[in-house]
């Protein structure tokens, strides 16, 4: 029972759920005309000691194809102690506003930026995020629909030196973006990424700084009767972590903050009023982040029943995956890559990050302040 239940959950999470979304789209797809709109918007950028990239970030934002008179750029400097503030002040002539605050953490910095914004639509971005020139036009046109409360863009990645980690991470994010687009088309999307997020200012409510904005703000949007939309044509780029430690830390932090945010009272959704969103949250986020628990349970169940052939084969498959991951790790340490082994290693590394993040969330550890992964 342990083996079959755990294995079925893993299979459903990674294969069954995407197939279910595809089937539902075939049965219920309704073409949605996207009107054109050019609302005024405030871009909120929260930084901490980003002197190495903040100039490039501001140049990128100022180069976007959108009427300058409809935009304001607010840089919340979260306790920066390097030359970040000095560099941002150089852009005051371009209408960039600097908002220096004590070290309060990323989420609290976003809240302060939103509070000081002049326009109804808020656009979030990060210092290491770059955008296609038409990013704002693609993102903001959806706000012509009054019931659209949050629009997320599509992440893509660029890397100066490709490794097995970055190659498989790029594959993971293509999978993730496809899920979000399907959920968006079905009207049950309830998540986006902070660096490519936009939302209506009046929907926003301050929430605990230990929760991830990626999950809490979309929950607030849905709770108040608005839709969350995924716009694949609004493309933004980041350099993904290229080291084993960087990838592990990103996964650990994402889950530790995400789980506490999803289960928090901030923007809590009623399963009775929002059954579709609850199903997507459970399938897309909570079950995926719990994958390492179910993998370990499946392995334990197969080993315990290994006297029967089918369970012995399953145990060997588990051992094969973990052996391939160890070999992939050994190759990565030598800067060598063999696609099947690096894929196994990346999968296991991500799940190790998920497992540690779950443990930290359950034991009450909270992450409120962190810097960019360089």
Protein backbone atom coordinates (compact mmCIF):
# COMPACT_ATOMS: atom_id res chain seq x y z
CA UNK A 1 0.00 0.00 0.00
CA UNK A 2 2.82 2.37 0.89
CA UNK A 3 4.61 1.67 -2.39
CA UNK A 4 1.57 1.91 -4.65
CA UNK A 5 0.05 5.00 -3.05
CA UNK A 6 3.34 6.92 -2.96
CA UNK A 7 4.29 5.92 -6.52
CA UNK A 8 0.83 6.87 -7.79
CA UNK A 9 1.10 10.33 -6.21
CA UNK A 10 4.52 10.94 -7.79
CA UNK A 11 3.26 9.75 -11.19
CA UNK A 12 0.14 11.91 -10.95
CA UNK A 13 2.11 15.00 -9.90
CA UNK A 14 4.68 14.94 -12.70
CA UNK A 15 2.79 13.20 -15.53
CA UNK A 16 -0.88 12.74 -14.71
CA UNK A 17 -1.65 16.34 -13.76
CA UNK A 18 -0.18 17.87 -16.96
CA UNK A 19 -2.12 15.30 -19.02
CA UNK A 20 -5.30 16.11 -17.09
CA UNK A 21 -4.85 19.82 -17.85
CA UNK A 22 -4.35 19.04 -21.52
CA UNK A 23 -7.53 16.94 -21.59
CA UNK A 24 -9.56 19.64 -19.86
CA UNK A 25 -8.30 22.21 -22.35
CA UNK A 26 -9.43 20.02 -25.24
CA UNK A 27 -12.87 19.65 -23.70
CA UNK A 28 -13.43 23.17 -22.45
CA UNK A 29 -11.17 25.50 -24.41
CA UNK A 30 -12.87 28.81 -25.04
CA UNK A 31 -10.98 31.33 -27.18
CA UNK A 32 -10.28 34.45 -25.19
CA UNK A 33 -9.84 37.68 -27.11
CA UNK A 34 -7.16 39.86 -25.55
CA UNK A 35 -8.04 43.56 -25.82
CA UNK A 36 -5.43 46.25 -26.15
CA UNK A 37 -4.83 48.61 -23.25
CA UNK A 38 -2.05 50.93 -22.11
CA UNK A 39 -2.70 51.72 -18.46
CA UNK A 40 -0.33 53.72 -16.31
CA UNK A 41 1.84 51.56 -14.07
CA UNK A 42 4.42 51.70 -11.30
CA UNK A 43 7.47 49.43 -11.51
CA UNK A 44 8.72 48.33 -8.08
CA UNK A 45 12.28 47.06 -7.84
CA UNK A 46 13.60 45.89 -4.45
CA UNK A 47 17.39 45.71 -4.17
CA UNK A 48 20.02 44.97 -1.56
CA UNK A 49 23.68 45.71 -2.36
CA UNK A 50 23.20 45.38 -6.12
CA UNK A 51 25.82 47.87 -7.32
CA UNK A 52 27.10 45.31 -9.84
CA UNK A 53 23.80 45.04 -11.73
CA UNK A 54 21.47 47.90 -10.75
CA UNK A 55 22.67 50.24 -13.52
CA UNK A 56 22.06 47.58 -16.16
CA UNK A 57 18.66 46.87 -14.61
CA UNK A 58 17.56 50.51 -14.81
CA UNK A 59 18.85 50.90 -18.36
CA UNK A 60 16.85 47.82 -19.31
CA UNK A 61 13.63 49.22 -17.78
CA UNK A 62 14.08 52.62 -19.39
CA UNK A 63 14.54 50.98 -22.80
CA UNK A 64 11.17 49.18 -22.71
CA UNK A 65 8.72 50.16 -25.45
CA UNK A 66 6.02 51.93 -23.47
CA UNK A 67 5.03 55.61 -23.14
CA UNK A 68 7.37 57.05 -20.53
CA UNK A 69 4.68 59.38 -19.17
CA UNK A 70 2.60 56.34 -18.16
CA UNK A 71 5.36 54.80 -16.06
CA UNK A 72 7.15 55.42 -12.81
CA UNK A 73 10.07 53.40 -11.50
CA UNK A 74 10.52 52.99 -7.74
CA UNK A 75 13.73 51.42 -6.41
CA UNK A 76 13.35 50.24 -2.82
CA UNK A 77 16.85 49.94 -1.41
CA UNK A 78 16.62 47.37 1.36
CA UNK A 79 19.40 48.47 3.68
CA UNK A 80 22.03 48.66 0.92
CA UNK A 81 25.52 49.50 2.19
CA UNK A 82 27.42 49.57 -1.11
CA UNK A 83 27.12 52.09 -4.00
CA UNK A 84 23.60 50.99 -4.96
CA UNK A 85 21.88 54.15 -3.68
CA UNK A 86 24.46 56.40 -5.29
CA UNK A 87 23.97 54.75 -8.68
CA UNK A 88 20.17 54.91 -8.46
CA UNK A 89 20.29 58.64 -7.64
CA UNK A 90 22.03 59.21 -10.98
CA UNK A 91 18.75 58.15 -12.67
CA UNK A 92 16.60 60.73 -10.87
CA UNK A 93 16.63 62.86 -14.04
CA UNK A 94 14.88 59.97 -15.80
CA UNK A 95 12.12 59.91 -13.19
CA UNK A 96 13.51 57.00 -11.16
CA UNK A 97 12.62 57.33 -7.48
CA UNK A 98 14.89 55.95 -4.74
CA UNK A 99 13.20 54.75 -1.56
CA UNK A 100 15.91 53.81 0.96
CA UNK A 101 14.64 51.71 3.89
CA UNK A 102 16.33 49.86 6.75
CA UNK A 103 17.04 46.17 6.17
CA UNK A 104 13.49 44.80 6.33
CA UNK A 105 13.58 41.93 3.85
CA UNK A 106 12.34 41.48 0.32
CA UNK A 107 8.60 41.08 0.96
CA UNK A 108 8.43 44.03 3.35
CA UNK A 109 10.35 46.08 0.77
CA UNK A 110 7.73 45.23 -1.86
CA UNK A 111 4.98 46.39 0.50
CA UNK A 112 6.74 49.73 1.04
CA UNK A 113 7.19 50.17 -2.71
CA UNK A 114 3.50 49.46 -3.36
CA UNK A 115 2.49 51.92 -0.63
CA UNK A 116 4.50 54.71 -2.27
CA UNK A 117 3.34 53.96 -5.84
CA UNK A 118 1.27 56.51 -7.74
CA UNK A 119 -0.47 54.24 -10.24
CA UNK A 120 -3.07 51.47 -9.98
CA UNK A 121 -1.08 48.76 -11.77
CA UNK A 122 2.04 47.50 -9.99
CA UNK A 123 4.81 45.72 -11.91
CA UNK A 124 7.38 43.72 -9.99
CA UNK A 125 10.87 42.94 -11.19
CA UNK A 126 14.30 42.10 -9.77
CA UNK A 127 17.74 43.58 -10.30
CA UNK A 128 18.98 40.56 -12.27
CA UNK A 129 15.89 40.34 -14.51
CA UNK A 130 15.98 41.60 -18.10
CA UNK A 131 13.05 42.01 -20.46
CA UNK A 132 12.03 41.87 -24.09
CA UNK A 133 11.32 45.36 -25.42
CA UNK A 134 7.58 44.64 -25.78
CA UNK A 135 7.32 43.15 -22.27
CA UNK A 136 5.11 45.88 -20.79
CA UNK A 137 2.77 46.07 -23.77
CA UNK A 138 2.16 42.32 -23.66
CA UNK A 139 1.73 42.27 -19.89
CA UNK A 140 -0.43 45.34 -19.37
CA UNK A 141 -2.92 44.93 -22.23
CA UNK A 142 -4.84 42.36 -20.15
CA UNK A 143 -5.91 45.04 -17.66
CA UNK A 144 -8.50 46.29 -20.15
CA UNK A 145 -10.58 43.46 -18.63
CA UNK A 146 -11.90 44.67 -15.26
CA UNK A 147 -11.83 41.16 -13.71
CA UNK A 148 -8.16 40.57 -14.41
CA UNK A 149 -6.29 41.25 -11.19
CA UNK A 150 -2.85 39.75 -11.77
CA UNK A 151 -0.81 39.03 -14.90
CA UNK A 152 2.43 37.04 -14.89
CA UNK A 153 5.06 36.96 -17.60
CA UNK A 154 7.16 34.07 -18.87
CA UNK A 155 10.59 33.33 -17.49
CA UNK A 156 13.39 32.38 -19.81
CA UNK A 157 17.03 31.96 -18.91
CA UNK A 158 20.39 32.96 -20.26
CA UNK A 159 23.69 31.56 -19.10
CA UNK A 160 27.22 32.57 -19.89
CA UNK A 161 28.46 29.01 -19.45
CA UNK A 162 26.00 26.14 -19.85
CA UNK A 163 26.29 23.25 -17.43
CA UNK A 164 24.22 20.15 -16.84
CA UNK A 165 22.50 22.00 -14.00
CA UNK A 166 21.47 25.01 -16.10
CA UNK A 167 20.38 22.85 -19.05
CA UNK A 168 18.03 20.77 -16.91
CA UNK A 169 16.86 23.80 -14.95
CA UNK A 170 15.83 25.40 -18.24
CA UNK A 171 13.84 22.25 -19.06
CA UNK A 172 12.16 22.40 -15.64
CA UNK A 173 11.07 26.01 -16.20
CA UNK A 174 9.65 25.26 -19.65
CA UNK A 175 7.58 22.54 -17.96
CA UNK A 176 6.54 25.02 -15.25
CA UNK A 177 5.52 27.74 -17.73
CA UNK A 178 3.44 25.24 -19.73
CA UNK A 179 1.53 24.26 -16.57
CA UNK A 180 0.87 27.89 -15.68
CA UNK A 181 -0.43 28.69 -19.17
CA UNK A 182 -2.79 25.70 -19.09
CA UNK A 183 -4.10 26.68 -15.64
CA UNK A 184 -4.50 30.27 -16.85
CA UNK A 185 -6.57 29.15 -19.85
CA UNK A 186 -8.76 27.05 -17.53
CA UNK A 187 -9.21 29.93 -15.08
CA UNK A 188 -7.60 28.16 -12.10
CA UNK A 189 -4.12 29.73 -12.04
CA UNK A 190 -3.15 30.84 -8.54
CA UNK A 191 0.60 31.39 -8.70
CA UNK A 192 3.20 33.39 -10.58
CA UNK A 193 6.83 34.48 -10.08
CA UNK A 194 7.59 37.69 -8.25
CA UNK A 195 10.10 38.94 -10.81
CA UNK A 196 7.51 38.77 -13.64
CA UNK A 197 4.40 39.66 -11.67
CA UNK A 198 1.95 42.54 -12.07
CA UNK A 199 -1.23 43.21 -10.11
CA UNK A 200 -3.84 45.83 -9.28
CA UNK A 201 -2.73 47.97 -6.37
CA UNK A 202 -6.11 48.06 -4.59
CA UNK A 203 -6.08 44.26 -4.28
CA UNK A 204 -2.79 44.24 -2.39
CA UNK A 205 -2.77 43.81 1.37
CA UNK A 206 0.38 43.85 3.52
CA UNK A 207 1.23 40.35 4.73
CA UNK A 208 3.93 38.70 6.82
CA UNK A 209 7.43 39.33 5.48
CA UNK A 210 8.30 35.63 5.88
CA UNK A 211 5.83 34.57 3.16
CA UNK A 212 6.54 34.48 -0.54
CA UNK A 213 4.76 37.11 -2.65
CA UNK A 214 4.66 34.54 -5.48
CA UNK A 215 1.88 32.64 -3.73
CA UNK A 216 0.22 35.14 -1.36
CA UNK A 217 -0.53 37.93 -3.87
CA UNK A 218 -2.21 35.59 -6.40
CA UNK A 219 -4.25 34.11 -3.52
CA UNK A 220 -5.41 37.62 -2.60
CA UNK A 221 -6.35 38.21 -6.24
CA UNK A 222 -8.46 35.04 -6.44
CA UNK A 223 -10.04 35.59 -3.02
CA UNK A 224 -11.28 39.02 -4.10
CA UNK A 225 -12.90 37.64 -7.24
CA UNK A 226 -10.26 38.51 -9.84
CA UNK A 227 -8.41 36.31 -12.34
CA UNK A 228 -4.72 35.46 -12.54
CA UNK A 229 -3.45 35.38 -16.14
CA UNK A 230 -0.26 33.96 -17.64
CA UNK A 231 1.03 35.89 -20.68
CA UNK A 232 3.67 33.85 -22.58
CA UNK A 233 4.56 36.74 -24.90
CA UNK A 234 5.79 38.87 -21.97
CA UNK A 235 9.28 37.38 -21.75
CA UNK A 236 11.83 38.18 -19.05
CA UNK A 237 15.31 36.71 -18.63
CA UNK A 238 17.49 35.79 -15.70
CA UNK A 239 20.80 34.02 -15.26
CA UNK A 240 19.91 30.86 -13.35
CA UNK A 241 22.17 29.49 -10.60
CA UNK A 242 25.09 27.69 -12.22
CA UNK A 243 26.47 26.03 -9.11
CA UNK A 244 25.24 23.06 -7.13
CA UNK A 245 25.03 25.18 -3.99
CA UNK A 246 23.15 27.96 -5.78
CA UNK A 247 20.55 25.60 -7.22
CA UNK A 248 20.06 23.82 -3.88
CA UNK A 249 19.67 27.12 -2.00
CA UNK A 250 17.14 28.44 -4.54
CA UNK A 251 14.96 25.32 -4.20
CA UNK A 252 15.23 25.26 -0.41
CA UNK A 253 14.29 28.93 -0.08
CA UNK A 254 11.45 28.69 -2.62
CA UNK A 255 9.78 25.82 -0.78
CA UNK A 256 10.38 27.15 2.75
CA UNK A 257 8.73 30.47 1.87
CA UNK A 258 6.17 29.02 -0.53
CA UNK A 259 4.74 26.37 1.79
CA UNK A 260 4.27 28.81 4.67
CA UNK A 261 2.67 31.30 2.27
CA UNK A 262 0.27 28.77 0.76
CA UNK A 263 -0.86 27.53 4.17
CA UNK A 264 -1.04 30.98 5.75
CA UNK A 265 -4.23 32.87 6.61
CA UNK A 266 -3.09 35.74 4.36
CA UNK A 267 -5.37 35.55 1.36
CA UNK A 268 -6.60 32.11 2.44
CA UNK A 269 -8.94 30.53 -0.12
CA UNK A 270 -12.03 28.52 0.77
CA UNK A 271 -11.97 25.03 -0.84
CA UNK A 272 -15.75 25.23 -1.16
CA UNK A 273 -15.73 28.57 -2.99
CA UNK A 274 -12.59 27.93 -5.07
CA UNK A 275 -12.38 24.16 -5.68
CA UNK A 276 -10.52 24.51 -9.00
CA UNK A 277 -7.86 26.75 -7.49
CA UNK A 278 -7.47 24.42 -4.52
CA UNK A 279 -6.98 21.47 -6.84
CA UNK A 280 -4.35 23.36 -8.83
CA UNK A 281 -2.53 24.50 -5.67
CA UNK A 282 -2.48 20.94 -4.34
CA UNK A 283 -1.40 19.34 -7.64
CA UNK A 284 0.94 22.03 -8.94
CA UNK A 285 2.66 23.12 -5.74
CA UNK A 286 2.11 21.10 -2.57
CA UNK A 287 2.34 17.64 -4.12
CA UNK A 288 5.34 18.60 -6.25
CA UNK A 289 7.19 20.06 -3.27
CA UNK A 290 6.32 16.88 -1.34
CA UNK A 291 7.75 14.62 -4.07
CA UNK A 292 10.88 13.65 -2.06
CA UNK A 293 8.70 12.42 0.82
CA UNK A 294 6.67 10.22 -1.52
CA UNK A 295 9.80 9.00 -3.33
CA UNK A 296 11.32 7.90 -0.03
CA UNK A 297 8.05 6.23 0.96
CA UNK A 298 7.87 4.44 -2.40
CA UNK A 299 11.48 3.26 -2.00
CA UNK A 300 10.83 2.05 1.56
CA UNK A 301 7.72 0.20 0.43
CA UNK A 302 9.53 -1.50 -2.45
CA UNK A 303 12.46 -2.58 -0.24
CA UNK A 304 10.12 -3.92 2.45
CA UNK A 305 8.31 -6.06 -0.15
CA UNK A 306 11.37 -6.96 -2.24
CA UNK A 307 10.76 -10.71 -1.85
CA UNK A 308 8.14 -10.25 -4.58
CA UNK A 309 9.55 -9.68 -8.05
CA UNK A 310 7.63 -6.52 -8.97
CA UNK A 311 8.77 -4.74 -5.80
CA UNK A 312 12.35 -5.92 -6.27
CA UNK A 313 12.32 -4.40 -9.74
CA UNK A 314 10.90 -1.16 -8.34
CA UNK A 315 13.61 -1.06 -5.65
CA UNK A 316 16.25 -1.55 -8.35
CA UNK A 317 14.74 1.33 -10.34
CA UNK A 318 15.00 3.59 -7.29
CA UNK A 319 18.60 2.53 -6.71
CA UNK A 320 19.34 3.10 -10.40
CA UNK A 321 18.00 6.66 -10.21
CA UNK A 322 20.02 7.51 -7.09
CA UNK A 323 23.17 5.87 -8.48
CA UNK A 324 22.80 7.84 -11.70
CA UNK A 325 22.38 11.01 -9.62
CA UNK A 326 25.60 10.30 -7.71
CA UNK A 327 27.46 9.67 -10.97
CA UNK A 328 26.00 12.89 -12.39
CA UNK A 329 27.19 14.74 -9.28
CA UNK A 330 30.70 13.32 -9.72
CA UNK A 331 30.76 14.47 -13.35
CA UNK A 332 29.45 17.96 -12.48
CA UNK A 333 32.22 18.34 -9.92
CA UNK A 334 34.67 17.71 -12.77
CA UNK A 335 32.78 20.08 -15.09
CA UNK A 336 31.70 17.19 -17.32
CA UNK A 337 28.15 16.39 -18.39
CA UNK A 338 26.36 13.30 -19.64
CA UNK A 339 22.72 14.19 -20.27
CA UNK A 340 20.97 11.18 -18.60
CA UNK A 341 23.22 11.37 -15.54
CA UNK A 342 23.01 15.16 -15.23
CA UNK A 343 19.20 14.95 -15.56
CA UNK A 344 19.05 12.40 -12.73
CA UNK A 345 21.35 14.54 -10.60
CA UNK A 346 19.36 17.74 -11.24
CA UNK A 347 16.09 15.97 -10.37
CA UNK A 348 17.49 14.59 -7.12
CA UNK A 349 19.20 17.89 -6.24
CA UNK A 350 15.93 19.80 -6.71
CA UNK A 351 14.08 17.26 -4.57
CA UNK A 352 16.73 17.45 -1.87
CA UNK A 353 16.14 21.22 -1.83
CA UNK A 354 12.39 20.59 -1.65
CA UNK A 355 12.88 18.22 1.29
CA UNK A 356 15.06 20.62 3.30
CA UNK A 357 12.68 23.50 2.51
CA UNK A 358 9.72 21.44 3.75
CA UNK A 359 11.59 20.57 6.92
CA UNK A 360 12.47 24.21 7.56
CA UNK A 361 8.86 25.29 6.97
CA UNK A 362 7.51 22.59 9.32
CA UNK A 363 9.94 23.42 12.11
CA UNK A 364 9.13 27.10 11.88
CA UNK A 365 12.28 28.54 10.31
CA UNK A 366 11.42 31.71 8.43
CA UNK A 367 13.39 33.43 5.65
CA UNK A 368 12.69 37.14 5.24
CA UNK A 369 15.89 38.67 3.89
CA UNK A 370 18.16 37.31 1.19
CA UNK A 371 20.25 38.55 -1.72
CA UNK A 372 20.42 37.60 -5.35
CA UNK A 373 22.07 34.35 -6.33
CA UNK A 374 25.25 35.42 -8.08
